[in-house]
Amino acid sequence: MAVQEVRQGVHGGGCACGDCPHGAREGHRRAVAAFLAKRDELALGEGLPPAVAHSVSASRQWVSDELTQSARTVADRSREAGDAWLHRVWRHTVFAVWGGVVLLALVQTATAIGTGWTLARTGGLLAALVCALLLTAAAWLHRGRGGLLAPLIGEDNRLSTSRTVASAWVFLVVFAVLTLALQLAGASGPRHRDELIAGLELARGVGLVAVLATVSAIAVVVRRVIAVRVLGQRLQKVRADRPRLADLLCDDAGRGSFTDVQYALVNAVAVIFAAVRLGRRPEQLPDLPWALALLVGVSAVTYFAGKYAEGGRPVVLSVVRAREAGDLDAPIRTGDDIEIRGAGFVPPGAATPDRLARMVVLIGPVHVHVPLVPVPGGFANPSDTSLTVPVPVEVEPGAVEVQVVTAAGIETNRVIIEVMD
């Protein structure tokens, strides 16, 4: 009993280690709270050491380094919490599967009152049990990657809308075929068996087959298109700390995406319609009307077009000398701050402090890390359209090329500036 109490105390609400899921969550929460407190304190000019307080550039560099180190701690704790969440969530996926089986059994029992239990009800319930057992085994084999969520997670560690939609249709088709097969195994008369075999004819399931082929092709092609565009530096992708349900309806930055929302909603309605048709006529494959199949096709084309058109390379439009209030107008010299104006400097999903600190500006042969400039509630530098960096003394006077490297590793175009003596 004493040992158990000690263990509960170690891995209870105050645990901040990375050895248990709760400890990872608590460690991440504490790291985030410490970072936000430090950021707001430094934004107000508090906590600066006297050795750097007299110099604007030195104090800015010191603040940026302090925030960068704290942001890396937050990122490490976030990854630990994400891994712990994946190890924990696989059980929830299994509970959801068996909860669906129980719900199906209750619905079949309720609807059987007055009409009697039929072979179709037995086949449907047995098919649900077989699918649940297979899914449970798959979840256990992938318990380190989120259980049943493992095939739905993309290379960027986000839930994929196209894979989720295709998986829903695959599951429905497998369940329908298993229901027919189990009914065929229990059928007593040849006439009944002939009716069940006729239910698998292409004329009755052509709409379902067309929809399944469409969504499966979209899942494969979209993955290939994104990979090609990332390798071609036409799309910026940043890995997420862990998958979230919001990924199905949002872009990488967490904003609602029209293409994802319409694709998920249209297919959800179509799957529900097909499931109702299967429940009403379990002796054949769900016969989807061609109008509904065409609607799914239009939604798939819209989704693919949106994925193909999203993103783009970051671009530098101009570079100017940053001027503070009271400064005189002058050419760019070493030690001056330059403001780089453009677009796409912060990729979607890269607005976290640790990824902002990874941004680099190439000024000639010198790599200059973009300093983090805190303000209450956020950062003034860097932003998606503007970066401010100092020109190091190592830069030789003359024509110098300026280029930005984003947190996704994408390089922008080069802009030439003139550095004076």
Protein backbone atom coordinates (compact mmCIF):
# COMPACT_ATOMS: atom_id res chain seq x y z
CA MET A 1 0.00 0.00 0.00
CA ALA A 2 2.82 2.41 0.83
CA VAL A 3 4.57 1.68 -2.45
CA GLN A 4 1.32 2.27 -4.34
CA GLU A 5 0.78 5.61 -2.61
CA VAL A 6 4.33 6.68 -3.43
CA ARG A 7 3.84 5.79 -7.08
CA GLN A 8 0.58 7.69 -7.20
CA GLY A 9 2.32 10.68 -5.70
CA VAL A 10 5.20 10.53 -8.19
CA HIS A 11 2.99 10.11 -11.26
CA GLY A 12 0.04 12.13 -10.07
CA GLY A 13 -1.12 15.62 -10.86
CA GLY A 14 2.24 17.24 -10.13
CA CYS A 15 4.36 14.88 -12.23
CA ALA A 16 6.52 16.69 -14.80
CA CYS A 17 8.73 13.84 -15.97
CA GLY A 18 8.51 12.22 -19.38
CA ASP A 19 8.07 8.65 -18.10
CA CYS A 20 4.28 8.63 -18.17
CA PRO A 21 1.62 10.27 -20.35
CA HIS A 22 0.33 12.46 -17.54
CA GLY A 23 3.86 13.58 -16.70
CA ALA A 24 4.48 14.55 -20.34
CA ARG A 25 1.32 16.65 -20.40
CA GLU A 26 2.18 18.33 -17.13
CA GLY A 27 5.77 18.98 -18.25
CA HIS A 28 4.54 20.59 -21.45
CA ARG A 29 2.03 22.73 -19.58
CA ARG A 30 4.69 24.00 -17.18
CA ALA A 31 7.15 24.70 -20.00
CA VAL A 32 4.52 26.73 -21.89
CA ALA A 33 3.62 28.71 -18.78
CA ALA A 34 7.29 29.48 -18.07
CA PHE A 35 7.88 30.58 -21.66
CA LEU A 36 4.84 32.90 -21.74
CA ALA A 37 5.86 34.47 -18.44
CA LYS A 38 9.41 35.05 -19.67
CA ARG A 39 8.23 36.44 -23.01
CA ASP A 40 5.87 38.95 -21.43
CA GLU A 41 8.50 39.94 -18.85
CA LEU A 42 11.12 40.60 -21.53
CA ALA A 43 8.57 42.41 -23.69
CA LEU A 44 8.15 44.93 -20.88
CA GLY A 45 11.92 45.41 -20.64
CA GLU A 46 12.26 43.58 -17.35
CA GLY A 47 14.87 41.00 -16.45
CA LEU A 48 17.68 42.36 -18.64
CA PRO A 49 21.19 41.95 -17.17
CA PRO A 50 23.03 45.27 -16.61
CA ALA A 51 25.86 44.20 -18.93
CA VAL A 52 23.62 44.37 -22.02
CA ALA A 53 21.03 46.91 -20.95
CA HIS A 54 23.08 49.85 -22.32
CA SER A 55 23.12 48.51 -25.89
CA VAL A 56 19.99 48.10 -28.00
CA SER A 57 21.53 45.50 -30.30
CA ALA A 58 23.14 43.55 -27.45
CA SER A 59 19.93 43.51 -25.38
CA ARG A 60 17.89 42.42 -28.41
CA GLN A 61 20.30 39.58 -29.12
CA TRP A 62 20.30 38.50 -25.49
CA VAL A 63 16.49 38.53 -25.36
CA SER A 64 16.31 36.52 -28.58
CA ASP A 65 18.77 33.91 -27.32
CA GLU A 66 16.91 33.55 -24.02
CA LEU A 67 13.57 33.12 -25.78
CA THR A 68 15.07 30.68 -28.27
CA GLN A 69 16.41 28.43 -25.52
CA SER A 70 13.09 28.54 -23.68
CA ALA A 71 11.21 27.86 -26.93
CA ARG A 72 13.35 24.77 -27.57
CA THR A 73 12.42 23.47 -24.15
CA VAL A 74 8.75 23.98 -24.97
CA ALA A 75 9.22 22.17 -28.29
CA ASP A 76 10.90 19.20 -26.58
CA ARG A 77 8.10 18.95 -24.03
CA SER A 78 5.52 19.27 -26.80
CA ARG A 79 7.04 16.37 -28.73
CA GLU A 80 7.10 14.25 -25.58
CA ALA A 81 3.44 15.06 -24.92
CA GLY A 82 2.60 14.21 -28.54
CA ASP A 83 4.31 10.83 -28.33
CA ALA A 84 2.58 10.09 -25.03
CA TRP A 85 -0.78 11.03 -26.57
CA LEU A 86 -0.24 8.58 -29.44
CA HIS A 87 0.59 5.78 -27.00
CA ARG A 88 -2.53 6.56 -24.98
CA VAL A 89 -5.12 7.21 -27.68
CA TRP A 90 -5.03 3.72 -29.22
CA ARG A 91 -7.15 2.41 -26.35
CA HIS A 92 -9.74 5.09 -27.02
CA THR A 93 -9.98 4.00 -30.65
CA VAL A 94 -10.64 0.42 -29.52
CA PHE A 95 -13.29 1.61 -27.07
CA ALA A 96 -14.95 3.56 -29.88
CA VAL A 97 -15.04 0.48 -32.12
CA TRP A 98 -16.61 -1.77 -29.51
CA GLY A 99 -18.97 1.01 -28.51
CA GLY A 100 -20.18 1.02 -32.10
CA VAL A 101 -20.75 -2.74 -31.94
CA VAL A 102 -22.79 -2.36 -28.74
CA LEU A 103 -24.80 0.46 -30.30
CA LEU A 104 -25.51 -1.66 -33.38
CA ALA A 105 -26.66 -4.54 -31.19
CA LEU A 106 -28.99 -2.25 -29.23
CA VAL A 107 -30.45 -0.76 -32.41
CA GLN A 108 -31.03 -4.18 -33.95
CA THR A 109 -32.64 -5.45 -30.75
CA ALA A 110 -34.94 -2.42 -30.57
CA THR A 111 -35.99 -2.64 -34.21
CA ALA A 112 -36.55 -6.40 -33.97
CA ILE A 113 -39.45 -5.89 -31.53
CA GLY A 114 -42.63 -6.73 -33.40
CA THR A 115 -40.89 -7.89 -36.57
CA GLY A 116 -38.73 -10.67 -35.17
CA TRP A 117 -35.06 -11.52 -35.45
CA THR A 118 -33.90 -12.24 -39.00
CA LEU A 119 -30.90 -13.78 -40.67
CA ALA A 120 -29.88 -10.32 -41.93
CA ARG A 121 -29.69 -9.02 -38.36
CA THR A 122 -27.51 -11.97 -37.37
CA GLY A 123 -25.26 -11.43 -40.38
CA GLY A 124 -24.89 -7.72 -39.65
CA LEU A 125 -24.07 -8.30 -35.98
CA LEU A 126 -21.55 -11.04 -36.78
CA ALA A 127 -19.96 -8.83 -39.45
CA ALA A 128 -19.62 -6.04 -36.89
CA LEU A 129 -17.94 -8.46 -34.46
CA VAL A 130 -15.50 -9.67 -37.11
CA CYS A 131 -14.63 -6.10 -38.13
CA ALA A 132 -14.22 -5.10 -34.48
CA LEU A 133 -11.84 -8.00 -33.83
CA LEU A 134 -9.75 -7.15 -36.90
CA LEU A 135 -9.65 -3.47 -36.00
CA THR A 136 -8.70 -4.28 -32.41
CA ALA A 137 -5.80 -6.40 -33.60
CA ALA A 138 -4.67 -3.64 -35.98
CA ALA A 139 -4.92 -1.06 -33.19
CA TRP A 140 -2.78 -3.19 -30.88
CA LEU A 141 -0.12 -3.68 -33.57
CA HIS A 142 0.03 0.10 -34.13
CA ARG A 143 -0.42 1.09 -30.48
CA GLY A 144 2.73 3.21 -30.61
CA ARG A 145 1.35 5.26 -33.52
CA GLY A 146 -2.16 5.96 -32.30
CA GLY A 147 -3.86 2.63 -32.92
CA LEU A 148 -6.50 2.93 -35.62
CA LEU A 149 -5.38 6.49 -36.31
CA ALA A 150 -2.03 5.26 -37.67
CA PRO A 151 -3.12 4.83 -41.32
CA LEU A 152 -4.93 8.17 -41.18
CA ILE A 153 -1.86 10.19 -40.11
CA GLY A 154 0.11 11.82 -42.92
CA GLU A 155 3.83 12.38 -43.20
CA ASP A 156 3.41 15.78 -41.53
CA ASN A 157 1.95 14.10 -38.41
CA ARG A 158 -1.54 15.46 -39.09
CA LEU A 159 -4.77 13.61 -39.72
CA SER A 160 -5.32 13.36 -43.46
CA THR A 161 -8.79 14.25 -44.73
CA SER A 162 -8.41 12.21 -47.92
CA ARG A 163 -7.22 9.10 -46.07
CA THR A 164 -10.01 9.39 -43.50
CA VAL A 165 -12.69 9.68 -46.18
CA ALA A 166 -11.28 6.75 -48.15
CA SER A 167 -11.03 4.65 -44.98
CA ALA A 168 -14.70 5.33 -44.16
CA TRP A 169 -15.78 4.06 -47.58
CA VAL A 170 -13.49 1.03 -47.39
CA PHE A 171 -14.89 0.10 -43.98
CA LEU A 172 -18.47 0.43 -45.24
CA VAL A 173 -17.77 -1.78 -48.27
CA VAL A 174 -16.00 -4.44 -46.16
CA PHE A 175 -18.86 -4.46 -43.66
CA ALA A 176 -21.46 -4.76 -46.43
CA VAL A 177 -19.65 -7.65 -48.15
CA LEU A 178 -19.14 -9.45 -44.82
CA THR A 179 -22.83 -9.05 -44.03
CA LEU A 180 -23.77 -10.62 -47.36
CA ALA A 181 -21.21 -13.41 -46.96
CA LEU A 182 -22.44 -14.35 -43.48
CA GLN A 183 -26.04 -14.31 -44.67
CA LEU A 184 -25.04 -16.55 -47.56
CA ALA A 185 -23.37 -18.96 -45.14
CA GLY A 186 -26.54 -19.19 -43.06
CA ALA A 187 -29.06 -19.26 -45.92
CA SER A 188 -31.04 -22.51 -46.09
CA GLY A 189 -32.78 -22.45 -49.46
CA PRO A 190 -31.24 -22.10 -52.95
CA ARG A 191 -33.62 -19.28 -53.80
CA HIS A 192 -32.40 -17.20 -50.90
CA ARG A 193 -28.77 -17.91 -51.80
CA ASP A 194 -29.40 -16.84 -55.39
CA GLU A 195 -30.91 -13.56 -54.16
CA LEU A 196 -27.85 -12.87 -52.00
CA ILE A 197 -25.45 -13.62 -54.84
CA ALA A 198 -27.48 -11.37 -57.13
CA GLY A 199 -27.03 -8.61 -54.56
CA LEU A 200 -23.32 -8.51 -55.45
CA GLU A 201 -23.94 -7.86 -59.16
CA LEU A 202 -22.20 -4.84 -60.65
CA ALA A 203 -25.47 -3.32 -61.82
CA ARG A 204 -26.52 -2.82 -58.19
CA GLY A 205 -23.15 -1.73 -56.77
CA VAL A 206 -21.69 0.27 -59.64
CA GLY A 207 -22.34 3.58 -57.88
CA LEU A 208 -20.64 2.37 -54.69
CA VAL A 209 -17.68 1.02 -56.66
CA ALA A 210 -17.32 4.31 -58.55
CA VAL A 211 -17.30 6.34 -55.33
CA LEU A 212 -14.81 3.97 -53.68
CA ALA A 213 -12.48 4.19 -56.69
CA THR A 214 -12.74 8.00 -56.71
CA VAL A 215 -11.95 8.61 -53.04
CA SER A 216 -9.17 5.99 -53.03
CA ALA A 217 -7.56 7.58 -56.09
CA ILE A 218 -7.80 11.01 -54.47
CA ALA A 219 -6.06 9.73 -51.32
CA VAL A 220 -3.16 8.34 -53.37
CA VAL A 221 -2.83 11.18 -55.87
CA VAL A 222 -3.03 13.96 -53.26
CA ARG A 223 -0.21 12.35 -51.29
CA ARG A 224 1.94 12.20 -54.41
CA VAL A 225 1.13 15.78 -55.44
CA ILE A 226 2.03 17.16 -52.00
CA ALA A 227 5.31 15.21 -51.91
CA VAL A 228 6.32 16.44 -55.39
CA ARG A 229 5.46 20.04 -54.56
CA VAL A 230 7.39 19.93 -51.28
CA LEU A 231 10.47 18.47 -52.97
CA GLY A 232 10.13 21.05 -55.74
CA GLN A 233 10.04 23.85 -53.11
CA ARG A 234 6.60 24.96 -54.28
CA LEU A 235 4.89 24.07 -50.99
CA GLN A 236 6.02 24.62 -47.41
CA LYS A 237 5.22 21.83 -44.96
CA VAL A 238 6.05 21.84 -41.25
CA ARG A 239 5.60 18.75 -39.10
CA ALA A 240 2.96 18.99 -36.36
CA ASP A 241 3.61 17.94 -32.77
CA ARG A 242 0.66 15.54 -32.81
CA PRO A 243 -2.46 14.85 -34.88
CA ARG A 244 -5.74 16.52 -33.94
CA LEU A 245 -9.32 16.00 -35.07
CA ALA A 246 -9.37 19.60 -36.27
CA ASP A 247 -6.85 18.59 -38.96
CA LEU A 248 -9.71 17.02 -40.91
CA LEU A 249 -11.38 20.40 -41.43
CA CYS A 250 -8.49 22.88 -41.14
CA ASP A 251 -5.28 23.74 -42.94
CA ASP A 252 -1.80 23.45 -41.42
CA ALA A 253 -2.22 26.78 -39.63
CA GLY A 254 -5.42 25.67 -37.91
CA ARG A 255 -7.71 27.83 -40.04
CA GLY A 256 -10.91 26.35 -41.45
CA SER A 257 -10.39 25.09 -45.01
CA PHE A 258 -13.30 25.21 -47.47
CA THR A 259 -11.99 22.35 -49.60
CA ASP A 260 -11.49 20.04 -46.61
CA VAL A 261 -14.83 20.94 -45.01
CA GLN A 262 -16.88 20.38 -48.15
CA TYR A 263 -15.08 17.12 -48.95
CA ALA A 264 -15.62 15.75 -45.45
CA LEU A 265 -19.27 16.86 -45.24
CA VAL A 266 -20.32 15.57 -48.66
CA ASN A 267 -18.71 12.19 -48.07
CA ALA A 268 -20.12 11.95 -44.54
CA VAL A 269 -23.63 12.48 -45.90
CA ALA A 270 -23.01 9.94 -48.68
CA VAL A 271 -21.66 7.33 -46.24
CA ILE A 272 -24.69 7.80 -43.96
CA PHE A 273 -27.00 7.40 -46.96
CA ALA A 274 -25.21 4.21 -48.03
CA ALA A 275 -25.37 2.84 -44.47
CA VAL A 276 -29.12 3.50 -44.32
CA ARG A 277 -29.59 1.75 -47.67
CA LEU A 278 -27.64 -1.23 -46.35
CA GLY A 279 -29.79 -1.32 -43.24
CA ARG A 280 -33.01 -1.22 -45.26
CA ARG A 281 -31.86 -3.79 -47.83
CA PRO A 282 -29.12 -5.92 -46.26
CA GLU A 283 -29.42 -8.59 -48.96
CA GLN A 284 -27.53 -6.47 -51.51
CA LEU A 285 -24.78 -3.87 -51.76
CA PRO A 286 -25.95 -0.29 -51.13
CA ASP A 287 -27.08 1.05 -54.50
CA LEU A 288 -25.99 4.68 -54.56
CA PRO A 289 -27.92 6.91 -56.99
CA TRP A 290 -25.76 8.31 -59.75
CA ALA A 291 -26.65 11.84 -58.67
CA LEU A 292 -25.09 11.19 -55.25
CA ALA A 293 -22.05 9.52 -56.83
CA LEU A 294 -21.62 12.52 -59.14
CA LEU A 295 -21.87 14.86 -56.14
CA VAL A 296 -19.04 12.95 -54.44
CA GLY A 297 -17.01 13.19 -57.66
CA VAL A 298 -17.48 16.97 -57.88
CA SER A 299 -16.46 17.31 -54.22
CA ALA A 300 -13.36 15.18 -54.86
CA VAL A 301 -12.33 17.31 -57.84
CA THR A 302 -12.77 20.48 -55.75
CA TYR A 303 -10.67 18.99 -52.96
CA PHE A 304 -7.90 17.96 -55.35
CA ALA A 305 -7.86 21.36 -57.04
CA GLY A 306 -7.59 23.07 -53.66
CA LYS A 307 -4.68 20.87 -52.62
CA TYR A 308 -2.90 21.46 -55.91
CA ALA A 309 -3.33 25.24 -55.73
CA GLU A 310 -2.45 25.83 -52.07
CA GLY A 311 0.89 27.11 -50.84
CA GLY A 312 3.66 28.64 -52.88
CA ARG A 313 7.28 29.65 -52.50
CA PRO A 314 8.21 32.50 -50.16
CA VAL A 315 9.36 35.61 -51.95
CA VAL A 316 11.45 38.67 -51.06
CA LEU A 317 10.00 41.80 -52.64
CA SER A 318 12.35 44.47 -51.32
CA VAL A 319 15.01 45.22 -48.73
CA VAL A 320 15.22 48.64 -47.05
CA ARG A 321 17.19 50.17 -44.22
CA ALA A 322 15.22 50.07 -40.97
CA ARG A 323 14.88 53.57 -39.57
CA GLU A 324 14.07 54.31 -35.96
CA ALA A 325 12.33 57.48 -34.82
CA GLY A 326 14.83 60.35 -34.85
CA ASP A 327 17.38 58.66 -37.13
CA LEU A 328 18.62 60.37 -40.26
CA ASP A 329 18.09 58.90 -43.68
CA ALA A 330 21.25 57.14 -44.83
CA PRO A 331 22.49 54.24 -46.96
CA ILE A 332 22.87 50.75 -45.52
CA ARG A 333 26.05 50.21 -43.54
CA THR A 334 27.36 47.37 -41.42
CA GLY A 335 25.68 47.39 -38.03
CA ASP A 336 22.45 48.85 -39.42
CA ASP A 337 19.15 47.00 -39.31
CA ILE A 338 17.52 46.07 -42.59
CA GLU A 339 13.87 45.30 -43.11
CA ILE A 340 13.11 42.51 -45.58
CA ARG A 341 9.64 42.79 -47.05
CA GLY A 342 7.92 39.95 -48.86
CA ALA A 343 5.42 37.13 -48.37
CA GLY A 344 5.38 33.57 -47.08
CA PHE A 345 8.19 33.92 -44.56
CA VAL A 346 6.23 32.01 -41.87
CA PRO A 347 4.84 28.73 -43.28
CA PRO A 348 1.44 27.50 -42.05
CA GLY A 349 1.92 25.78 -38.73
CA ALA A 350 5.32 27.40 -38.11
CA ALA A 351 4.18 30.28 -35.91
CA THR A 352 5.49 28.61 -32.76
CA PRO A 353 8.52 30.32 -31.15
CA ASP A 354 10.92 27.43 -31.72
CA ARG A 355 10.19 27.42 -35.45
CA LEU A 356 10.32 31.22 -35.71
CA ALA A 357 13.79 31.03 -34.17
CA ARG A 358 14.92 28.70 -36.98
CA MET A 359 14.56 31.39 -39.65
CA VAL A 360 17.83 32.52 -41.19
CA VAL A 361 18.76 35.39 -43.51
CA LEU A 362 21.77 35.01 -45.80
CA ILE A 363 23.51 38.38 -46.21
CA GLY A 364 26.32 37.60 -48.59
CA PRO A 365 28.24 34.66 -47.07
CA VAL A 366 27.03 35.39 -43.52
CA HIS A 367 24.15 33.48 -41.92
CA VAL A 368 22.13 35.79 -39.69
CA HIS A 369 19.51 34.23 -37.41
CA VAL A 370 16.36 36.31 -37.26
CA PRO A 371 16.04 37.72 -33.72
CA LEU A 372 12.84 37.19 -31.77
CA VAL A 373 11.42 40.55 -30.68
CA PRO A 374 8.72 39.97 -28.05
CA VAL A 375 5.68 42.11 -27.45
CA PRO A 376 2.90 41.41 -24.93
CA GLY A 377 0.96 38.46 -26.34
CA GLY A 378 3.25 37.65 -29.26
CA PHE A 379 6.23 38.71 -31.36
CA ALA A 380 6.83 41.81 -33.44
CA ASN A 381 9.61 40.10 -35.38
CA PRO A 382 9.59 37.94 -37.44
CA SER A 383 6.28 38.03 -39.29
CA ASP A 384 4.94 36.48 -42.47
CA THR A 385 5.55 39.63 -44.51
CA SER A 386 8.47 41.33 -42.79
CA LEU A 387 11.81 40.47 -41.15
CA THR A 388 14.26 42.78 -39.42
CA VAL A 389 17.88 41.69 -39.00
CA PRO A 390 21.18 43.51 -38.40
CA VAL A 391 23.90 43.68 -41.04
CA PRO A 392 26.94 41.96 -39.43
CA VAL A 393 30.35 43.59 -39.51
CA GLU A 394 31.62 40.52 -41.37
CA VAL A 395 29.73 41.63 -44.47
CA GLU A 396 32.07 43.29 -46.96
CA PRO A 397 31.01 46.64 -48.46
CA GLY A 398 29.62 46.54 -51.97
CA ALA A 399 26.86 44.64 -53.72
CA VAL A 400 25.55 41.91 -51.42
CA GLU A 401 22.86 39.32 -52.02
CA VAL A 402 20.09 38.87 -49.42
CA GLN A 403 18.08 35.65 -49.16
CA VAL A 404 15.68 34.23 -46.56
CA VAL A 405 15.54 30.58 -45.44
CA THR A 406 12.21 29.75 -43.78
CA ALA A 407 11.56 27.26 -40.98
CA ALA A 408 10.47 24.72 -43.63
CA GLY A 409 13.92 24.94 -45.26
CA ILE A 410 12.69 26.75 -48.38
CA GLU A 411 14.95 29.44 -49.84
CA THR A 412 13.53 32.63 -51.31
CA ASN A 413 14.77 34.54 -54.30
CA ARG A 414 17.92 36.69 -53.96
CA VAL A 415 17.78 40.48 -53.76
CA ILE A 416 20.93 42.60 -54.17
CA ILE A 417 21.56 45.51 -51.81
CA GLU A 418 24.45 47.98 -51.66
CA VAL A 419 26.37 48.10 -48.37
CA MET A 420 28.44 51.24 -47.89
CA ASP A 421 31.63 51.73 -45.86
